[in-house]
C-alpha atoms as a PDB file:
ATOM      1  CA  MET A   1      -0.025  -0.002  -0.061  1.00  0.00           C
ATOM      2  CA  TYR A   2       1.338   3.450  -0.806  1.00  0.00           C
ATOM      3  CA  CYS A   3      -0.029   4.946   2.370  1.00  0.00           C
ATOM      4  CA  CYS A   4       1.129   4.487   5.926  1.00  0.00           C
ATOM      5  CA  GLY A   5      -1.884   6.370   7.520  1.00  0.00           C
ATOM      6  CA  HIS A   6      -4.671   4.974   9.566  1.00  0.00           C
ATOM      7  CA  PRO A   7      -7.066   4.227   6.704  1.00  0.00           C
ATOM      8  CA  ILE A   8      -5.060   1.288   5.584  1.00  0.00           C
ATOM      9  CA  THR A   9      -5.859  -0.503   8.840  1.00  0.00           C
ATOM     10  CA  ARG A  10      -9.620  -0.369   7.903  1.00  0.00           C
ATOM     11  CA  SER A  11     -10.543  -3.239   5.668  1.00  0.00           C
ATOM     12  CA  GLU A  12     -13.232  -1.308   3.909  1.00  0.00           C
ATOM     13  CA  ALA A  13     -10.550   1.221   2.598  1.00  0.00           C
ATOM     14  CA  GLN A  14      -7.707  -0.894   1.868  1.00  0.00           C
ATOM     15  CA  TRP A  15      -8.597  -1.432  -1.824  1.00  0.00           C
ATOM     16  CA  PHE A  16      -7.998   2.372  -2.429  1.00  0.00           C
ATOM     17  CA  PHE A  17      -4.228   2.112  -1.317  1.00  0.00           C
ATOM     18  CA  LYS A  18      -3.326  -1.247  -2.651  1.00  0.00           C
ATOM     19  CA  VAL A  19      -0.690  -1.248  -5.446  1.00  0.00           C
ATOM     20  CA  GLY A  20       0.683  -4.714  -5.257  1.00  0.00           C
ATOM     21  CA  ASN A  21       1.267  -7.864  -3.281  1.00  0.00           C
ATOM     22  CA  ILE A  22       4.808  -8.370  -1.940  1.00  0.00           C
ATOM     23  CA  SER A  23       4.378 -12.152  -1.809  1.00  0.00           C
ATOM     24  CA  GLN A  24       3.432 -12.166  -5.598  1.00  0.00           C
ATOM     25  CA  ASP A  25       5.261  -8.979  -6.961  1.00  0.00           C
ATOM     26  CA  SER A  26       8.740  -7.771  -6.762  1.00  0.00           C
ATOM     27  CA  LEU A  27       9.342  -4.704  -4.645  1.00  0.00           C
ATOM     28  CA  VAL A  28      10.946  -3.061  -7.645  1.00  0.00           C
ATOM     29  CA  ASP A  29       7.620  -3.504  -9.681  1.00  0.00           C
ATOM     30  CA  ILE A  30       5.597  -2.323  -6.837  1.00  0.00           C
ATOM     31  CA  GLU A  31       7.726   0.789  -6.507  1.00  0.00           C
ATOM     32  CA  LYS A  32       7.499   1.466 -10.160  1.00  0.00           C
ATOM     33  CA  ARG A  33       3.649   1.157 -10.022  1.00  0.00           C
ATOM     34  CA  ILE A  34       3.677   3.767  -7.049  1.00  0.00           C
ATOM     35  CA  ARG A  35       5.804   6.185  -9.116  1.00  0.00           C
ATOM     36  CA  ARG A  36       3.431   5.993 -12.194  1.00  0.00           C
ATOM     37  CA  ASN A  37       0.195   6.010 -10.149  1.00  0.00           C
ATOM     38  CA  ALA A  38      -1.807   9.192 -11.008  1.00  0.00           C
ATOM     39  CA  LEU A  39      -3.663   9.086  -7.779  1.00  0.00           C
ATOM     40  CA  VAL A  40      -0.428   8.827  -5.644  1.00  0.00           C
ATOM     41  CA  LEU A  41       1.118  11.719  -7.582  1.00  0.00           C
ATOM     42  CA  ALA A  42      -2.067  13.839  -7.407  1.00  0.00           C
ATOM     43  CA  LEU A  43      -2.181  13.295  -3.703  1.00  0.00           C
ATOM     44  CA  ARG A  44       1.460  14.272  -3.351  1.00  0.00           C
ATOM     45  CA  TYR A  45       1.326  17.420  -5.545  1.00  0.00           C
ATOM     46  CA  ALA A  46      -2.243  18.756  -5.104  1.00  0.00           C
ATOM     47  CA  GLY A  47      -3.439  16.991  -1.928  1.00  0.00           C
ATOM     48  CA  PRO A  48      -6.588  15.248  -1.073  1.00  0.00           C
ATOM     49  CA  LEU A  49      -8.889  18.249  -0.831  1.00  0.00           C
ATOM     50  CA  ALA A  50      -7.923  19.354  -4.331  1.00  0.00           C
ATOM     51  CA  ILE A  51      -8.870  15.926  -5.642  1.00  0.00           C
ATOM     52  CA  LEU A  52     -12.278  16.243  -4.009  1.00  0.00           C
ATOM     53  CA  ARG A  53     -12.862  19.665  -5.495  1.00  0.00           C
ATOM     54  CA  GLU A  54     -11.642  18.810  -9.006  1.00  0.00           C
ATOM     55  CA  HIS A  55     -14.217  15.930  -8.885  1.00  0.00           C
ATOM     56  CA  GLY A  56     -17.054  18.080  -7.588  1.00  0.00           C
ATOM     57  CA  ILE A  57     -17.352  15.964  -4.380  1.00  0.00           C
ATOM     58  CA  GLU A  58     -19.065  17.948  -1.661  1.00  0.00           C
ATOM     59  CA  LEU A  59     -17.507  18.029   1.639  1.00  0.00           C
ATOM     60  CA  GLU A  60     -19.955  16.423   3.971  1.00  0.00           C
ATOM     61  CA  GLU A  61     -17.833  16.977   7.064  1.00  0.00           C
ATOM     62  CA  ASP A  62     -14.969  18.927   8.346  1.00  0.00           C
ATOM     63  CA  PHE A  63     -11.695  16.893   7.705  1.00  0.00           C
ATOM     64  CA  LYS A  64      -8.957  17.496  10.098  1.00  0.00           C
ATOM     65  CA  THR A  65      -6.350  15.260   8.384  1.00  0.00           C
ATOM     66  CA  PRO A  66      -5.594  14.164   4.762  1.00  0.00           C
ATOM     67  CA  CYS A  67      -6.224  10.698   6.012  1.00  0.00           C
ATOM     68  CA  GLU A  68      -9.820  11.460   6.664  1.00  0.00           C
ATOM     69  CA  VAL A  69     -10.276  12.667   3.065  1.00  0.00           C
ATOM     70  CA  CYS A  70      -8.757   9.515   1.499  1.00  0.00           C
ATOM     71  CA  TYR A  71     -10.842   7.316   3.745  1.00  0.00           C
ATOM     72  CA  HIS A  72     -13.980   9.249   2.794  1.00  0.00           C
ATOM     73  CA  VAL A  73     -13.245   8.672  -0.901  1.00  0.00           C
ATOM     74  CA  ALA A  74     -12.341   5.063  -0.447  1.00  0.00           C
ATOM     75  CA  THR A  75     -15.526   4.217   1.396  1.00  0.00           C
ATOM     76  CA  ARG A  76     -18.222   6.368  -0.106  1.00  0.00           C
ATOM     77  CA  GLY A  77     -18.170   4.891  -3.643  1.00  0.00           C
ATOM     78  CA  HIS A  78     -16.844   8.143  -5.308  1.00  0.00           C
ATOM     79  CA  ARG A  79     -15.430   7.530  -8.863  1.00  0.00           C
ATOM     80  CA  LEU A  80     -12.167   9.483  -9.561  1.00  0.00           C
ATOM     81  CA  ASP A  81     -11.473  10.388 -13.282  1.00  0.00           C
ATOM     82  CA  ARG A  82      -8.092   9.371 -14.369  1.00  0.00           C
ATOM     83  CA  SER A  83      -7.616  12.511 -16.687  1.00  0.00           C
ATOM     84  CA  LYS A  84      -8.459  14.745 -13.801  1.00  0.00           C
ATOM     85  CA  LEU A  85      -5.860  12.904 -11.477  1.00  0.00           C
ATOM     86  CA  ILE A  86      -3.320  13.222 -14.217  1.00  0.00           C
ATOM     87  CA  LYS A  87      -3.902  17.057 -14.435  1.00  0.00           C
ATOM     88  CA  LEU A  88      -3.552  17.327 -10.601  1.00  0.00           C
ATOM     89  CA  ALA A  89      -0.450  15.100 -10.713  1.00  0.00           C
ATOM     90  CA  ARG A  90       1.125  17.502 -13.191  1.00  0.00           C
ATOM     91  CA  LEU A  91       1.628  14.645 -15.740  1.00  0.00           C
ATOM     92  CA  ASP A  92      -0.069  16.273 -18.807  1.00  0.00           C
END
């Protein structure tokens, strides 16, 4: 998983953070996936609140940490648009 925050300990959110399986994939391959992942890069360069804004996702609550934003996206069924993530990740 590309995150070390508390959402990865919650089974309902783990799918959002998973980029490989160390028992099946090499660490080099997993690292390459992380470095090419538009979501990871958008989180790094723009931040989770910018991702919500770009996708028109209304803030239903006051978030105190970036982890809460990611958990919200992972557990509320929001669909993220790859082209918008690429824009936020500064890959275009």
